[in-house]
């Protein structure tokens, strides 16, 4: 898959290690806790691309991040941190 085509939001959140399971990503979407470029995300299969800004409201954290890259697989934490850039206003991540 080319980076310009993007990656499913649930897969990207899992690869970036912002959630532990893809089902958690789907639950966040269902609870209306994720925005992409300011718009509420209504489907976990919505595509994210480099440059997109995500606002994620987790139970104890607010994560504002810019997508830097997409990855097909979940890698080690050091690799996952290169997939996004935390923006000002975000809680410290990882907790």
C-alpha atoms as a PDB file:
ATOM      1  CA  UNK A   1       0.000   0.000   0.000  1.00  0.00           C
ATOM      2  CA  UNK A   2       1.341   3.434  -0.831  1.00  0.00           C
ATOM      3  CA  UNK A   3       1.608   5.983   1.993  1.00  0.00           C
ATOM      4  CA  UNK A   4      -0.636   8.385   0.049  1.00  0.00           C
ATOM      5  CA  UNK A   5      -3.476   5.829   0.210  1.00  0.00           C
ATOM      6  CA  UNK A   6      -3.318   5.923   4.002  1.00  0.00           C
ATOM      7  CA  UNK A   7      -4.140   3.258   6.528  1.00  0.00           C
ATOM      8  CA  UNK A   8      -7.264   2.341   8.468  1.00  0.00           C
ATOM      9  CA  UNK A   9      -7.524   4.413  11.636  1.00  0.00           C
ATOM     10  CA  UNK A  10      -7.884   1.374  13.900  1.00  0.00           C
ATOM     11  CA  UNK A  11      -4.797  -0.278  12.392  1.00  0.00           C
ATOM     12  CA  UNK A  12      -2.772   2.944  12.629  1.00  0.00           C
ATOM     13  CA  UNK A  13      -3.702   3.484  16.304  1.00  0.00           C
ATOM     14  CA  UNK A  14      -2.660  -0.101  17.025  1.00  0.00           C
ATOM     15  CA  UNK A  15       0.642   0.243  15.100  1.00  0.00           C
ATOM     16  CA  UNK A  16       1.385   3.568  16.829  1.00  0.00           C
ATOM     17  CA  UNK A  17       0.726   1.885  20.191  1.00  0.00           C
ATOM     18  CA  UNK A  18      -1.892   4.425  21.229  1.00  0.00           C
ATOM     19  CA  UNK A  19      -4.280   1.515  21.910  1.00  0.00           C
ATOM     20  CA  UNK A  20      -3.510  -2.058  22.913  1.00  0.00           C
ATOM     21  CA  UNK A  21      -6.071  -3.695  20.618  1.00  0.00           C
ATOM     22  CA  UNK A  22      -7.884  -2.671  17.456  1.00  0.00           C
ATOM     23  CA  UNK A  23     -11.178  -3.301  19.235  1.00  0.00           C
ATOM     24  CA  UNK A  24     -10.241  -0.501  21.651  1.00  0.00           C
ATOM     25  CA  UNK A  25      -9.813   1.829  18.686  1.00  0.00           C
ATOM     26  CA  UNK A  26     -13.268   0.845  17.413  1.00  0.00           C
ATOM     27  CA  UNK A  27     -14.719   1.491  20.882  1.00  0.00           C
ATOM     28  CA  UNK A  28     -13.157   4.984  20.951  1.00  0.00           C
ATOM     29  CA  UNK A  29     -14.727   5.730  17.570  1.00  0.00           C
ATOM     30  CA  UNK A  30     -18.120   4.432  18.735  1.00  0.00           C
ATOM     31  CA  UNK A  31     -17.854   6.627  21.859  1.00  0.00           C
ATOM     32  CA  UNK A  32     -17.119   9.665  19.631  1.00  0.00           C
ATOM     33  CA  UNK A  33     -13.714  10.264  21.205  1.00  0.00           C
ATOM     34  CA  UNK A  34     -11.605  10.668  18.034  1.00  0.00           C
ATOM     35  CA  UNK A  35     -11.408  13.578  15.609  1.00  0.00           C
ATOM     36  CA  UNK A  36      -9.417  13.685  12.383  1.00  0.00           C
ATOM     37  CA  UNK A  37      -8.524  17.171  11.139  1.00  0.00           C
ATOM     38  CA  UNK A  38     -11.244  18.566  13.412  1.00  0.00           C
ATOM     39  CA  UNK A  39     -14.024  16.306  12.095  1.00  0.00           C
ATOM     40  CA  UNK A  40     -15.554  13.605  14.250  1.00  0.00           C
ATOM     41  CA  UNK A  41     -14.572  10.116  13.087  1.00  0.00           C
ATOM     42  CA  UNK A  42     -17.589   7.859  12.698  1.00  0.00           C
ATOM     43  CA  UNK A  43     -16.002   4.679  11.294  1.00  0.00           C
ATOM     44  CA  UNK A  44     -12.880   2.823  12.487  1.00  0.00           C
ATOM     45  CA  UNK A  45     -11.969   2.014   8.876  1.00  0.00           C
ATOM     46  CA  UNK A  46     -11.613   5.699   7.949  1.00  0.00           C
ATOM     47  CA  UNK A  47      -8.194   6.315   6.364  1.00  0.00           C
ATOM     48  CA  UNK A  48      -5.456   8.373   7.999  1.00  0.00           C
ATOM     49  CA  UNK A  49      -2.587   9.795   5.991  1.00  0.00           C
ATOM     50  CA  UNK A  50       0.662  11.562   6.855  1.00  0.00           C
ATOM     51  CA  UNK A  51      -0.139  15.144   7.807  1.00  0.00           C
ATOM     52  CA  UNK A  52      -3.525  14.365   9.395  1.00  0.00           C
ATOM     53  CA  UNK A  53      -4.068  15.758  12.905  1.00  0.00           C
ATOM     54  CA  UNK A  54      -5.799  13.435  15.361  1.00  0.00           C
ATOM     55  CA  UNK A  55      -7.467  14.431  18.618  1.00  0.00           C
ATOM     56  CA  UNK A  56      -7.930  11.384  20.827  1.00  0.00           C
ATOM     57  CA  UNK A  57      -9.681  11.533  24.201  1.00  0.00           C
ATOM     58  CA  UNK A  58      -8.467   8.566  26.218  1.00  0.00           C
ATOM     59  CA  UNK A  59      -9.780   7.790  29.721  1.00  0.00           C
ATOM     60  CA  UNK A  60      -7.032   9.751  31.483  1.00  0.00           C
ATOM     61  CA  UNK A  61      -5.248  11.538  28.657  1.00  0.00           C
ATOM     62  CA  UNK A  62      -5.799  13.932  25.788  1.00  0.00           C
ATOM     63  CA  UNK A  63      -3.587  13.115  22.812  1.00  0.00           C
ATOM     64  CA  UNK A  64      -3.141  15.653  20.011  1.00  0.00           C
ATOM     65  CA  UNK A  65      -0.863  14.283  17.344  1.00  0.00           C
ATOM     66  CA  UNK A  66       0.121  14.721  13.722  1.00  0.00           C
ATOM     67  CA  UNK A  67       0.474  11.543  11.686  1.00  0.00           C
ATOM     68  CA  UNK A  68       4.035  11.364  10.351  1.00  0.00           C
ATOM     69  CA  UNK A  69       3.918   7.961   8.675  1.00  0.00           C
ATOM     70  CA  UNK A  70       1.856   4.819   8.293  1.00  0.00           C
ATOM     71  CA  UNK A  71       3.028   1.323   9.150  1.00  0.00           C
ATOM     72  CA  UNK A  72       1.469  -1.965   8.118  1.00  0.00           C
ATOM     73  CA  UNK A  73       2.690  -3.788  11.222  1.00  0.00           C
ATOM     74  CA  UNK A  74       2.985  -3.053  14.892  1.00  0.00           C
ATOM     75  CA  UNK A  75       6.638  -2.719  15.773  1.00  0.00           C
ATOM     76  CA  UNK A  76       8.598  -1.981  18.925  1.00  0.00           C
ATOM     77  CA  UNK A  77       7.756   1.168  20.917  1.00  0.00           C
ATOM     78  CA  UNK A  78      10.803   3.016  19.585  1.00  0.00           C
ATOM     79  CA  UNK A  79       9.586   2.497  16.027  1.00  0.00           C
ATOM     80  CA  UNK A  80       5.974   3.370  16.900  1.00  0.00           C
ATOM     81  CA  UNK A  81       7.006   6.788  18.256  1.00  0.00           C
ATOM     82  CA  UNK A  82       8.209   7.746  14.766  1.00  0.00           C
ATOM     83  CA  UNK A  83       4.691   7.346  13.368  1.00  0.00           C
ATOM     84  CA  UNK A  84       3.366  10.484  15.078  1.00  0.00           C
ATOM     85  CA  UNK A  85       4.374  13.847  16.495  1.00  0.00           C
ATOM     86  CA  UNK A  86       2.757  15.098  19.697  1.00  0.00           C
ATOM     87  CA  UNK A  87       1.352  18.598  19.404  1.00  0.00           C
ATOM     88  CA  UNK A  88       1.130  21.363  21.977  1.00  0.00           C
ATOM     89  CA  UNK A  89      -1.763  20.844  24.371  1.00  0.00           C
ATOM     90  CA  UNK A  90      -1.323  17.072  24.433  1.00  0.00           C
ATOM     91  CA  UNK A  91      -0.743  15.222  27.680  1.00  0.00           C
ATOM     92  CA  UNK A  92       2.644  13.570  28.072  1.00  0.00           C
ATOM     93  CA  UNK A  93       2.659  10.336  26.080  1.00  0.00           C
ATOM     94  CA  UNK A  94       3.339   7.543  26.706  1.00  0.00           C
ATOM     95  CA  UNK A  95       2.013   7.892  30.254  1.00  0.00           C
END
